Amino acid sequence: MPESVAVLSDIHGVLPALEAVLAEPDVRAADTVVLTGDLAAGPLPGRTLDALAALGGRAVWVGGNADRELVAYRRGARAALPDPIAPWAAEQLRAEQVELLASLPASATLPVGGLGQVYFCHATPRADDETVLVDAAPGRWAEVLGGLGPQVETVVLGHTHMPFARLTHGRLVVNPGSVGMPYGRPGAHWALLGAGGVALRRTAYDYGAACARIAAESGYAGAAAWADEYVWARNSAEDALAAFGD
């Protein structure tokens, strides 16, 4: 049973943000690093996956909707994707990286010291593209979590890029936020789980240097504008809540 688990979600190919988190002492010391999806759809997709692969056996991988969409595009099952950067990102992946994303499970369950059985998924236990927010009504939470067995004490999910932890229907639900595309304030958001409970963490890094690096190294035509919007978190949490709300 891992005593400490770092959770990294929604990296979206932002390698400078990922590198900053991987350098955190608590991440380096964690028994397990769980990756809860939307890993590569962004400006530095292949190198981001390489950095994650270097975690080796410490990593537990879960797929997200953006990962699934990259695979579908590369395999010709989709002619277009809603995110403008995604088709470009899909074409940057090596064949084995496409197969890696295709193989990712929709969920993983691990016992974590202090938190019991923890269920990890990308968006909700029902779908990798379903949205549920921290302020969703109790009935909505009951609907979203209703398929889980009573042994699951904690649920960790991502997708909305906004960190939170709340109790609902006897379970602790945690969203670590986004490493690469945060809403509300800049920084690489992640979570640390263990005997001490849940810690929502934010790693600050040099955002200006990250934007310059992405613009220089990405190859995506709109990389500079993309990095300016998302690395600097130009979209507020309030904007996101209004966009994603029921």
Protein backbone atom coordinates (compact mmCIF):
# COMPACT_ATOMS: atom_id res chain seq x y z
CA MET A 1 0.00 0.00 0.00
CA PRO A 2 1.53 3.34 -1.00
CA GLU A 3 1.88 5.74 1.89
CA SER A 4 2.19 8.81 -0.33
CA VAL A 5 0.67 9.41 -3.76
CA ALA A 6 1.22 12.45 -5.95
CA VAL A 7 -1.61 13.11 -8.40
CA LEU A 8 -0.89 14.99 -11.62
CA SER A 9 -3.78 15.76 -13.96
CA ASP A 10 -4.41 17.74 -17.13
CA ILE A 11 -0.76 18.33 -18.02
CA HIS A 12 -1.70 19.13 -21.62
CA GLY A 13 1.80 18.94 -23.02
CA VAL A 14 3.14 21.82 -20.93
CA LEU A 15 6.57 20.37 -20.27
CA PRO A 16 7.99 23.29 -18.20
CA ALA A 17 5.09 22.99 -15.75
CA LEU A 18 5.51 19.22 -15.54
CA GLU A 19 9.24 19.51 -14.94
CA ALA A 20 8.63 21.96 -12.11
CA VAL A 21 6.24 19.53 -10.40
CA LEU A 22 8.48 16.51 -10.92
CA ALA A 23 11.28 18.45 -9.21
CA GLU A 24 9.18 18.94 -6.06
CA PRO A 25 10.70 17.00 -3.14
CA ASP A 26 7.33 15.51 -2.20
CA VAL A 27 6.78 14.28 -5.74
CA ARG A 28 10.28 12.84 -5.94
CA ALA A 29 9.69 11.05 -2.64
CA ALA A 30 6.16 9.81 -3.41
CA ASP A 31 5.69 6.06 -3.58
CA THR A 32 3.32 6.42 -6.54
CA VAL A 33 2.52 9.11 -9.08
CA VAL A 34 -0.98 8.83 -10.53
CA LEU A 35 -1.59 10.56 -13.87
CA THR A 36 -5.28 11.25 -14.30
CA GLY A 37 -5.50 12.03 -17.98
CA ASP A 38 -5.28 14.75 -20.62
CA LEU A 39 -1.54 14.37 -20.70
CA ALA A 40 -0.35 15.29 -24.18
CA ALA A 41 -2.82 17.58 -25.96
CA GLY A 42 -0.74 20.74 -25.92
CA PRO A 43 2.40 22.39 -27.25
CA LEU A 44 5.10 19.83 -26.32
CA PRO A 45 3.25 16.50 -26.47
CA GLY A 46 5.91 13.95 -27.29
CA ARG A 47 8.49 15.24 -24.86
CA THR A 48 5.87 15.44 -22.13
CA LEU A 49 5.04 11.77 -22.59
CA ASP A 50 8.74 10.94 -22.54
CA ALA A 51 9.13 12.72 -19.20
CA LEU A 52 6.18 10.79 -17.78
CA ALA A 53 7.48 7.49 -19.13
CA ALA A 54 10.73 8.14 -17.25
CA LEU A 55 8.78 7.69 -13.99
CA GLY A 56 8.80 3.98 -14.75
CA GLY A 57 7.00 1.70 -12.33
CA ARG A 58 6.11 4.55 -9.96
CA ALA A 59 3.53 5.85 -12.42
CA VAL A 60 -0.10 4.76 -12.61
CA TRP A 61 -1.65 6.00 -15.84
CA VAL A 62 -5.32 6.86 -16.45
CA GLY A 63 -6.62 8.17 -19.76
CA GLY A 64 -8.62 11.32 -20.37
CA ASN A 65 -10.91 12.49 -23.13
CA ALA A 66 -8.14 14.50 -24.81
CA ASP A 67 -5.87 11.43 -24.88
CA ARG A 68 -8.67 9.38 -26.44
CA GLU A 69 -9.29 12.11 -29.03
CA LEU A 70 -5.62 12.26 -30.05
CA VAL A 71 -5.67 8.52 -30.70
CA ALA A 72 -8.90 8.71 -32.70
CA TYR A 73 -7.50 11.50 -34.85
CA ARG A 74 -4.23 9.70 -35.56
CA ARG A 75 -6.07 6.49 -36.43
CA GLY A 76 -8.40 8.30 -38.81
CA ALA A 77 -11.49 7.71 -36.71
CA ARG A 78 -12.03 11.45 -36.36
CA ALA A 79 -11.45 14.10 -39.01
CA ALA A 80 -11.53 17.05 -36.61
CA LEU A 81 -11.12 17.84 -32.93
CA PRO A 82 -12.69 20.67 -30.90
CA ASP A 83 -9.39 21.90 -29.46
CA PRO A 84 -7.40 23.72 -32.20
CA ILE A 85 -4.02 22.53 -30.90
CA ALA A 86 -5.09 18.88 -30.63
CA PRO A 87 -4.79 17.82 -34.31
CA TRP A 88 -1.29 19.26 -34.44
CA ALA A 89 -0.37 17.55 -31.15
CA ALA A 90 -1.69 14.23 -32.41
CA GLU A 91 0.60 14.37 -35.44
CA GLN A 92 3.67 14.96 -33.24
CA LEU A 93 3.34 11.67 -31.37
CA ARG A 94 5.46 8.69 -32.25
CA ALA A 95 3.60 5.50 -33.13
CA GLU A 96 4.43 3.90 -29.77
CA GLN A 97 3.13 6.97 -27.95
CA VAL A 98 -0.18 6.68 -29.79
CA GLU A 99 -0.37 3.06 -28.70
CA LEU A 100 0.46 4.06 -25.13
CA LEU A 101 -2.42 6.54 -25.03
CA ALA A 102 -4.73 3.98 -26.64
CA SER A 103 -3.91 1.49 -23.90
CA LEU A 104 -4.69 3.75 -20.96
CA PRO A 105 -7.48 2.55 -18.65
CA ALA A 106 -10.44 4.73 -17.75
CA SER A 107 -9.78 4.34 -14.02
CA ALA A 108 -7.54 2.88 -11.36
CA THR A 109 -8.15 1.95 -7.73
CA LEU A 110 -5.43 1.95 -5.09
CA PRO A 111 -5.43 1.63 -1.32
CA VAL A 112 -3.77 4.73 0.11
CA GLY A 113 -2.75 5.02 3.73
CA GLY A 114 -5.20 7.22 5.61
CA LEU A 115 -7.70 7.44 2.74
CA GLY A 116 -8.84 3.85 2.19
CA GLN A 117 -9.66 2.64 -1.31
CA VAL A 118 -9.11 5.54 -3.70
CA TYR A 119 -10.75 5.55 -7.12
CA PHE A 120 -8.92 7.61 -9.77
CA CYS A 121 -10.52 8.72 -13.03
CA HIS A 122 -10.32 11.65 -15.42
CA ALA A 123 -13.72 13.33 -15.33
CA THR A 124 -16.25 11.15 -13.50
CA PRO A 125 -16.55 7.41 -12.85
CA ARG A 126 -19.11 7.27 -15.68
CA ALA A 127 -17.36 9.10 -18.53
CA ASP A 128 -14.06 10.77 -19.34
CA ASP A 129 -15.78 13.92 -20.61
CA GLU A 130 -18.54 14.45 -18.04
CA THR A 131 -18.31 17.67 -16.04
CA VAL A 132 -19.02 17.89 -12.32
CA LEU A 133 -18.09 20.96 -10.29
CA VAL A 134 -17.37 21.48 -6.62
CA ASP A 135 -20.67 23.31 -6.12
CA ALA A 136 -22.82 20.70 -7.88
CA ALA A 137 -26.04 19.87 -6.06
CA PRO A 138 -26.15 16.79 -3.79
CA GLY A 139 -28.43 15.01 -6.21
CA ARG A 140 -25.95 15.54 -9.02
CA TRP A 141 -23.14 14.08 -6.92
CA ALA A 142 -25.31 11.09 -6.00
CA GLU A 143 -25.92 10.49 -9.70
CA VAL A 144 -22.26 10.81 -10.66
CA LEU A 145 -20.93 8.57 -7.87
CA GLY A 146 -23.81 6.13 -7.71
CA GLY A 147 -22.06 3.35 -9.58
CA LEU A 148 -19.18 3.02 -7.15
CA GLY A 149 -19.09 0.26 -4.59
CA PRO A 150 -19.19 0.99 -0.86
CA GLN A 151 -15.52 0.07 -0.52
CA VAL A 152 -14.49 3.29 -2.30
CA GLU A 153 -13.87 5.95 0.32
CA THR A 154 -12.13 8.58 -1.82
CA VAL A 155 -12.57 9.65 -5.43
CA VAL A 156 -9.92 11.63 -7.33
CA LEU A 157 -10.85 13.22 -10.65
CA GLY A 158 -9.72 16.02 -12.95
CA HIS A 159 -11.03 17.42 -16.24
CA THR A 160 -12.25 20.84 -15.05
CA HIS A 161 -8.77 22.21 -14.24
CA MET A 162 -9.96 23.63 -10.90
CA PRO A 163 -8.71 22.17 -7.60
CA PHE A 164 -11.06 21.30 -4.77
CA ALA A 165 -11.69 18.80 -1.99
CA ARG A 166 -15.16 18.18 -0.57
CA LEU A 167 -17.19 15.56 1.25
CA THR A 168 -20.30 14.28 -0.41
CA HIS A 169 -22.44 11.23 0.34
CA GLY A 170 -19.86 9.86 2.73
CA ARG A 171 -16.95 10.10 0.29
CA LEU A 172 -14.09 12.54 -0.06
CA VAL A 173 -13.86 13.87 -3.63
CA VAL A 174 -10.65 15.54 -4.76
CA ASN A 175 -9.70 17.42 -7.90
CA PRO A 176 -5.98 18.25 -8.00
CA GLY A 177 -6.44 20.95 -10.64
CA SER A 178 -4.35 21.21 -13.78
CA VAL A 179 -0.59 21.04 -14.09
CA GLY A 180 -0.46 22.73 -17.47
CA MET A 181 -3.69 24.70 -18.04
CA PRO A 182 -4.81 26.15 -14.70
CA TYR A 183 -7.85 28.35 -14.31
CA GLY A 184 -7.91 31.13 -11.75
CA ARG A 185 -4.20 31.67 -11.07
CA PRO A 186 -0.94 30.57 -12.67
CA GLY A 187 1.07 27.68 -11.33
CA ALA A 188 1.19 23.93 -11.76
CA HIS A 189 -1.56 22.46 -9.58
CA TRP A 190 -1.37 18.91 -8.18
CA ALA A 191 -2.28 16.96 -5.05
CA LEU A 192 -0.49 14.87 -2.46
CA LEU A 193 -2.41 12.03 -0.81
CA GLY A 194 -1.33 10.09 2.25
CA ALA A 195 -1.73 9.44 5.94
CA GLY A 196 -1.99 13.17 6.57
CA GLY A 197 -5.01 13.39 4.29
CA VAL A 198 -5.12 15.44 1.12
CA ALA A 199 -2.94 18.45 0.35
CA LEU A 200 -3.82 20.58 -2.67
CA ARG A 201 -0.51 21.92 -3.92
CA ARG A 202 0.60 24.59 -6.38
CA THR A 203 4.10 24.78 -7.80
CA ALA A 204 5.22 28.20 -8.97
CA TYR A 205 7.78 28.40 -11.78
CA ASP A 206 9.11 31.01 -14.20
CA TYR A 207 6.05 31.60 -16.36
CA GLY A 208 7.72 34.07 -18.70
CA ALA A 209 10.60 31.70 -19.37
CA ALA A 210 8.14 28.85 -19.88
CA CYS A 211 6.20 30.84 -22.46
CA ALA A 212 9.41 31.74 -24.30
CA ARG A 213 10.53 28.12 -24.27
CA ILE A 214 7.20 26.86 -25.59
CA ALA A 215 7.21 29.47 -28.36
CA ALA A 216 10.75 28.50 -29.35
CA GLU A 217 10.50 24.72 -29.07
CA SER A 218 6.93 23.74 -29.88
CA GLY A 219 6.57 24.00 -33.63
CA TYR A 220 2.86 24.78 -33.27
CA ALA A 221 2.08 27.97 -35.20
CA GLY A 222 0.06 29.46 -32.36
CA ALA A 223 2.35 28.31 -29.55
CA ALA A 224 3.23 31.78 -28.26
CA ALA A 225 -0.40 32.86 -27.93
CA TRP A 226 -1.42 29.48 -26.51
CA ALA A 227 1.27 29.65 -23.83
CA ASP A 228 0.44 33.24 -22.95
CA GLU A 229 -3.20 32.32 -22.35
CA TYR A 230 -2.75 29.10 -20.43
CA VAL A 231 0.60 29.32 -18.66
CA TRP A 232 -0.39 32.72 -17.29
CA ALA A 233 -3.92 31.44 -16.48
CA ARG A 234 -5.69 34.28 -18.28
CA ASN A 235 -9.03 32.47 -17.74
CA SER A 236 -10.44 33.06 -14.28
CA ALA A 237 -12.04 30.42 -12.10
CA GLU A 238 -15.27 32.41 -12.36
CA ASP A 239 -15.10 32.28 -16.17
CA ALA A 240 -14.61 28.52 -16.01
CA LEU A 241 -17.46 27.99 -13.56
CA ALA A 242 -19.77 30.00 -15.81
CA ALA A 243 -18.69 28.01 -18.87
CA PHE A 244 -18.90 24.57 -17.26
CA GLY A 245 -21.88 25.10 -14.98
CA ASP A 246 -25.02 23.01 -15.33
